[in-house]
Protein backbone atom coordinates (compact mmCIF):
# COMPACT_ATOMS: atom_id res chain seq x y z
CA MET A 1 89.16 126.84 143.15
CA ALA A 2 92.28 128.34 141.63
CA ARG A 3 93.93 124.90 141.66
CA LEU A 4 90.92 123.39 139.90
CA PHE A 5 91.07 126.11 137.24
CA LEU A 6 94.78 125.48 136.68
CA LEU A 7 94.14 121.73 136.43
CA ILE A 8 91.41 122.25 133.81
CA LEU A 9 93.66 124.65 131.91
CA SER A 10 96.57 122.18 131.89
CA VAL A 11 94.30 119.37 130.66
CA PHE A 12 93.08 121.67 127.88
CA PHE A 13 96.62 122.44 126.72
CA VAL A 14 97.76 118.81 126.96
CA SER A 15 94.76 117.61 124.94
CA GLY A 16 95.38 120.39 122.42
CA ALA A 17 99.00 119.31 122.03
CA ALA A 18 97.91 115.70 121.58
CA ALA A 19 95.45 116.76 118.90
CA ARG A 20 98.21 118.59 117.07
CA GLU A 21 100.32 115.41 117.15
CA LYS A 22 97.87 113.69 114.80
CA VAL A 23 99.81 113.13 111.59
CA ASP A 24 97.96 113.37 108.29
CA LEU A 25 99.83 110.79 106.20
CA LEU A 26 98.82 110.58 102.53
CA THR A 27 100.06 108.19 99.86
CA SER A 28 99.63 108.35 96.11
CA ILE A 29 98.61 104.71 95.56
CA LYS A 30 97.05 101.87 97.54
CA PRO A 31 100.17 99.69 98.04
CA LEU A 32 101.96 102.55 99.81
CA GLN A 33 98.86 103.10 101.95
CA LEU A 34 98.95 99.41 102.93
CA ILE A 35 102.57 99.70 104.07
CA ALA A 36 101.79 102.90 105.99
CA ALA A 37 98.83 101.20 107.67
CA ALA A 38 101.17 98.57 109.12
CA VAL A 39 103.39 101.30 110.59
CA GLN A 40 100.53 103.44 111.93
CA ASP A 41 98.56 100.51 113.35
CA GLY A 42 96.84 101.50 116.60
CA VAL A 43 97.77 105.18 116.20
CA ASP A 44 96.09 106.49 113.06
CA GLU A 45 94.95 105.54 109.55
CA PRO A 46 96.75 106.69 106.39
CA ALA A 47 94.85 108.11 103.42
CA VAL A 48 95.32 107.43 99.72
CA LEU A 49 95.05 109.88 96.84
CA LEU A 50 94.10 107.70 93.85
CA PRO A 51 90.77 105.83 94.03
CA PRO A 52 90.48 102.10 93.20
CA GLY A 53 90.80 101.41 89.48
CA ALA A 54 92.51 104.71 88.70
CA SER A 55 95.66 104.60 86.58
CA ALA A 56 98.79 105.68 88.44
CA HIS A 57 100.26 106.69 85.09
CA HIS A 58 97.42 109.01 84.02
CA TYR A 59 94.96 110.52 86.50
CA ALA A 60 93.18 113.85 86.75
CA LEU A 61 93.00 115.00 90.37
CA ARG A 62 89.83 116.60 91.68
CA PRO A 63 90.09 119.98 93.46
CA SER A 64 89.52 118.20 96.80
CA ASP A 65 92.42 115.84 95.98
CA VAL A 66 94.71 118.77 95.32
CA ARG A 67 93.68 120.42 98.61
CA HIS A 68 94.37 117.22 100.55
CA LEU A 69 97.73 116.83 98.82
CA GLN A 70 98.70 120.36 99.78
CA ALA A 71 97.54 120.00 103.39
CA ALA A 72 98.96 116.57 104.28
CA ASP A 73 101.81 116.46 106.80
CA LEU A 74 103.54 113.59 105.00
CA PHE A 75 103.13 112.55 101.37
CA TYR A 76 104.63 109.44 99.78
CA TRP A 77 104.59 108.80 96.04
CA ILE A 78 106.50 106.37 93.85
CA GLY A 79 107.99 109.11 91.66
CA PRO A 80 107.91 110.56 88.16
CA ASP A 81 108.63 107.19 86.52
CA MET A 82 105.10 106.19 87.55
CA GLU A 83 103.12 109.32 88.50
CA VAL A 84 104.49 112.06 86.29
CA PHE A 85 101.26 114.06 86.71
CA LEU A 86 102.10 114.59 90.41
CA LYS A 87 105.49 116.19 89.84
CA PRO A 88 104.41 119.87 89.69
CA LEU A 89 101.97 119.42 92.58
CA VAL A 90 104.58 117.83 94.84
CA ALA A 91 106.98 120.66 94.03
CA GLY A 92 104.43 123.15 95.37
CA ARG A 93 103.84 121.38 98.69
CA HIS A 94 104.89 122.86 102.04
CA GLY A 95 104.81 119.58 103.98
CA ALA A 96 107.34 116.77 103.75
CA SER A 97 107.23 114.63 100.61
CA GLN A 98 109.13 111.45 99.80
CA GLN A 99 109.73 110.17 96.31
CA ILE A 100 109.93 106.46 97.06
CA GLN A 101 111.99 105.51 93.99
CA ALA A 102 114.77 107.77 95.34
CA LEU A 103 115.01 106.04 98.74
CA PRO A 104 118.46 104.61 99.50
CA GLY A 105 118.52 100.88 100.12
CA LEU A 106 115.91 99.89 97.55
CA THR A 107 116.46 97.14 95.00
CA LEU A 108 115.50 98.71 91.67
CA ARG A 109 114.93 96.96 88.38
CA HIS A 110 114.79 98.25 84.82
CA PHE A 111 112.65 96.89 82.02
CA GLY A 112 114.53 94.34 79.98
CA GLU A 113 116.39 92.85 82.94
CA ALA A 114 113.94 90.12 83.87
CA HIS A 115 114.52 87.89 80.91
CA ALA A 116 118.23 88.52 80.45
CA ALA A 117 118.71 87.22 83.98
CA HIS A 118 117.04 83.88 83.25
CA ASP A 119 119.18 82.32 80.56
CA ASP A 120 118.55 78.84 81.96
CA HIS A 121 114.93 79.06 80.81
CA ASP A 122 113.90 78.48 77.23
CA HIS A 123 110.60 80.29 76.93
CA ASP A 124 109.56 81.69 73.59
CA HIS A 125 109.93 85.36 74.38
CA ASP A 126 110.89 88.26 72.20
CA HIS A 127 113.35 90.18 74.39
CA GLY A 128 112.42 93.38 72.59
CA GLU A 129 108.73 93.19 73.42
CA HIS A 130 107.52 95.39 76.24
CA ASP A 131 104.56 97.37 77.46
CA HIS A 132 103.88 100.53 75.47
CA ASP A 133 104.76 102.61 78.56
CA HIS A 134 107.64 100.40 79.68
CA ARG A 135 110.54 100.99 77.35
CA PRO A 136 113.61 98.76 77.75
CA GLY A 137 116.13 100.39 80.09
CA SER A 138 113.57 102.59 81.87
CA LEU A 139 112.93 102.17 85.59
CA ASP A 140 110.38 99.55 86.58
CA ALA A 141 108.45 101.55 89.17
CA HIS A 142 106.38 98.60 90.50
CA LEU A 143 108.98 98.39 93.26
CA TRP A 144 106.52 97.70 96.11
CA LEU A 145 106.10 94.10 94.93
CA LEU A 146 109.46 93.12 96.42
CA PRO A 147 109.06 92.46 100.18
CA ALA A 148 112.56 93.80 100.94
CA ASN A 149 111.60 97.11 99.30
CA ALA A 150 108.40 97.30 101.34
CA LEU A 151 110.51 97.01 104.48
CA VAL A 152 112.78 99.89 103.36
CA ILE A 153 109.66 102.00 102.74
CA ALA A 154 108.20 101.09 106.14
CA GLU A 155 111.46 102.02 107.88
CA LYS A 156 111.38 105.46 106.25
CA MET A 157 107.74 105.98 107.22
CA ALA A 158 108.39 104.94 110.84
CA GLY A 159 111.24 107.43 111.11
CA ASP A 160 109.24 110.25 109.57
CA LEU A 161 106.24 109.57 111.81
CA ALA A 162 108.38 109.41 114.95
CA ALA A 163 109.91 112.80 114.10
CA LEU A 164 106.48 114.43 113.79
CA ASP A 165 104.84 112.42 116.59
CA PRO A 166 107.50 111.54 119.20
CA THR A 167 104.82 110.51 121.70
CA ASN A 168 104.11 107.42 119.59
CA ALA A 169 107.69 106.80 118.40
CA GLN A 170 107.98 103.52 120.32
CA ARG A 171 104.69 102.30 118.88
CA TYR A 172 105.86 103.00 115.33
CA GLN A 173 109.09 101.07 115.96
CA ALA A 174 107.18 98.17 117.52
CA ASN A 175 104.84 98.08 114.52
CA LEU A 176 107.87 98.13 112.20
CA ALA A 177 109.44 95.18 114.05
CA ALA A 178 106.19 93.21 113.84
CA PHE A 179 105.88 94.02 110.13
CA ARG A 180 109.45 92.84 109.54
CA GLN A 181 108.76 89.51 111.24
CA ARG A 182 105.47 88.93 109.40
CA LEU A 183 107.14 89.68 106.06
CA SER A 184 109.88 87.18 106.83
CA ASP A 185 107.30 84.49 107.62
CA LEU A 186 105.27 85.32 104.50
CA ASP A 187 108.37 85.25 102.32
CA GLN A 188 109.16 81.72 103.46
CA ARG A 189 105.62 80.54 102.72
CA LEU A 190 105.63 82.10 99.25
CA GLN A 191 109.07 80.67 98.46
CA ALA A 192 107.91 77.17 99.39
CA ARG A 193 104.71 77.29 97.34
CA LEU A 194 105.94 79.08 94.22
CA ALA A 195 109.12 76.99 93.93
CA ARG A 196 106.92 74.17 92.56
CA VAL A 197 105.61 76.18 89.59
CA GLY A 198 108.66 78.13 88.47
CA ASP A 199 108.85 76.36 85.09
CA GLN A 200 105.19 76.72 84.14
CA PRO A 201 104.50 79.19 81.29
CA PHE A 202 102.33 82.26 81.82
CA PHE A 203 101.62 85.51 80.02
CA VAL A 204 100.60 88.95 81.30
CA PHE A 205 98.83 91.95 79.81
CA HIS A 206 100.89 94.44 81.81
CA GLU A 207 104.57 94.09 82.68
CA ALA A 208 104.06 94.88 86.35
CA TYR A 209 105.25 91.79 88.20
CA ASP A 210 109.00 91.53 87.53
CA TYR A 211 109.94 92.35 91.15
CA PHE A 212 107.62 89.65 92.48
CA GLU A 213 108.72 87.17 89.81
CA ALA A 214 112.41 87.77 90.55
CA ALA A 215 111.82 87.24 94.28
CA TYR A 216 110.09 83.89 93.80
CA GLY A 217 111.75 82.30 90.79
CA LEU A 218 108.98 82.99 88.28
CA ARG A 219 109.21 84.37 84.76
CA HIS A 220 106.47 85.46 82.41
CA ALA A 221 106.77 84.08 78.89
CA GLY A 222 105.36 87.17 77.19
CA VAL A 223 103.52 90.47 77.52
CA PHE A 224 100.29 91.05 75.62
CA SER A 225 100.08 94.83 75.63
CA ALA A 226 97.20 96.24 73.65
CA GLY A 227 98.53 99.80 73.84
CA GLY A 228 95.71 101.15 76.02
CA GLU A 229 92.30 101.07 74.39
CA ALA A 230 93.61 100.69 70.85
CA GLN A 231 93.21 97.15 69.55
CA PRO A 232 96.28 95.57 67.94
CA GLY A 233 96.16 94.68 64.27
CA ALA A 234 95.16 91.26 62.97
CA ARG A 235 98.77 90.31 62.22
CA HIS A 236 99.92 91.11 65.75
CA VAL A 237 96.99 89.18 67.25
CA ALA A 238 97.88 86.19 65.07
CA GLN A 239 101.49 86.32 66.26
CA MET A 240 100.45 86.47 69.92
CA ARG A 241 98.02 83.60 69.44
CA GLN A 242 100.74 81.56 67.76
CA ARG A 243 102.95 82.03 70.81
CA LEU A 244 100.16 80.79 73.04
CA GLN A 245 99.74 77.74 70.81
CA GLN A 246 103.46 77.01 71.02
CA ALA A 247 103.44 77.36 74.82
CA GLY A 248 100.75 74.67 75.21
CA PRO A 249 98.81 74.65 78.51
CA SER A 250 99.45 78.03 80.10
CA CYS A 251 97.97 80.86 82.16
CA VAL A 252 97.16 84.37 80.97
CA PHE A 253 96.80 87.02 83.67
CA TYR A 254 94.96 90.30 83.23
CA GLU A 255 94.37 93.21 85.61
CA PRO A 256 91.18 94.70 87.06
CA PRO A 257 88.85 96.41 86.65
CA ALA A 258 87.94 94.62 83.41
CA ARG A 259 89.14 91.64 81.43
CA PRO A 260 90.64 92.88 78.13
CA ARG A 261 88.49 92.08 75.11
CA LEU A 262 91.67 90.86 73.49
CA ALA A 263 91.92 88.04 76.05
CA GLN A 264 88.96 86.14 74.60
CA THR A 265 90.25 86.50 71.04
CA LEU A 266 93.71 85.27 71.95
CA THR A 267 92.70 82.27 74.02
CA ARG A 268 89.60 80.96 72.25
CA GLY A 269 89.92 77.19 71.75
CA LEU A 270 93.36 76.97 73.38
CA PRO A 271 94.34 75.14 76.62
CA VAL A 272 94.72 78.45 78.42
CA GLN A 273 93.41 79.55 81.81
CA LEU A 274 92.52 83.20 82.38
CA ALA A 275 92.93 84.77 85.81
CA GLU A 276 93.08 88.24 87.36
CA LEU A 277 96.20 89.66 89.05
CA ASP A 278 95.91 92.95 90.93
CA ALA A 279 99.29 94.56 91.63
CA LEU A 280 97.58 97.52 93.34
CA GLY A 281 95.43 95.54 95.79
CA SER A 282 92.35 97.60 94.93
CA GLY A 283 89.94 95.54 97.03
CA ILE A 284 92.20 95.03 100.05
CA THR A 285 91.37 96.72 103.35
CA ALA A 286 94.05 99.18 104.46
CA ASP A 287 94.97 97.75 107.85
CA ALA A 288 98.09 96.36 109.53
CA ARG A 289 98.11 93.19 107.42
CA GLY A 290 96.91 94.67 104.14
CA TYR A 291 100.29 94.61 102.42
CA GLU A 292 100.76 90.96 103.32
CA ARG A 293 97.34 90.15 101.89
CA LEU A 294 98.38 91.88 98.66
CA LEU A 295 101.40 89.60 98.26
CA GLU A 296 99.48 86.53 99.41
CA SER A 297 96.78 87.25 96.84
CA LEU A 298 99.33 87.52 94.03
CA GLY A 299 101.11 84.36 95.15
CA SER A 300 97.92 82.35 95.55
CA THR A 301 96.47 83.43 92.20
CA LEU A 302 99.69 82.58 90.36
CA ALA A 303 100.14 79.26 92.17
CA GLU A 304 96.54 78.11 91.78
CA CYS A 305 96.52 78.72 88.05
CA LEU A 306 100.00 77.33 87.38
CA GLU A 307 99.46 74.28 89.59
CA GLY A 308 96.37 73.46 87.54
CA LEU A 309 98.45 73.09 84.38
């Protein structure tokens, strides 16, 4: 009887220890959650702070969001160049936090680089034109759109998880190795498909894709930023429309959740195709292959529109 009691007691303590090993991993935005899901596959599921459609630049957290942020064991955010509203909250956390833009080993870009690095192209682009929030010389924080950066992030997450949950350390490393191989295969597929459309002109409403463009030999011909909700003046609209006319058949990409009203005005009567690009992967399921689906979706949308020109 005494042995049975001791056995029950030991099972209780072992199960309690296992329960404590559960790591509450929280990310600020969906793309980081997708990378974490690949690393945690088969062990746990990461959570995300910002809901679909929310702006990573400007968001008001609910009290429940703040509580989750304070309680999470691990928190990953891009950094103040994207989520400045998180800075004071992260400073007050007790758990481990990682500002992704500060990770060693990342390839970082700054606004204004994309077009200076493509002198062999002759697109009609004003090198001084940029998003209202993306001033030339400032860090381009959309760093997750480069597969090599996603791998650096995944390596950091795997190390952090193994430190907090050594029981599953081998699983995290195996997941990391599988993620690395799948990214390599995906990169080859994207290189092969997008190489055929590198010279086709396209325009964007948000300068968010420079990392992806640089990886696959693409280059947007212009950025149609409407400065948030404010509509640009008639003169500016006329100038943007003139650039579309000069480009000839082209693609214009906008972001969810809604097509900008400006898009219809700019493209009416012109040989332009409109399509949606989602750099945040709002509708993608957060599982082991979610990050790959994000890149595949971007690549397929770009290729399908540009191939149709």
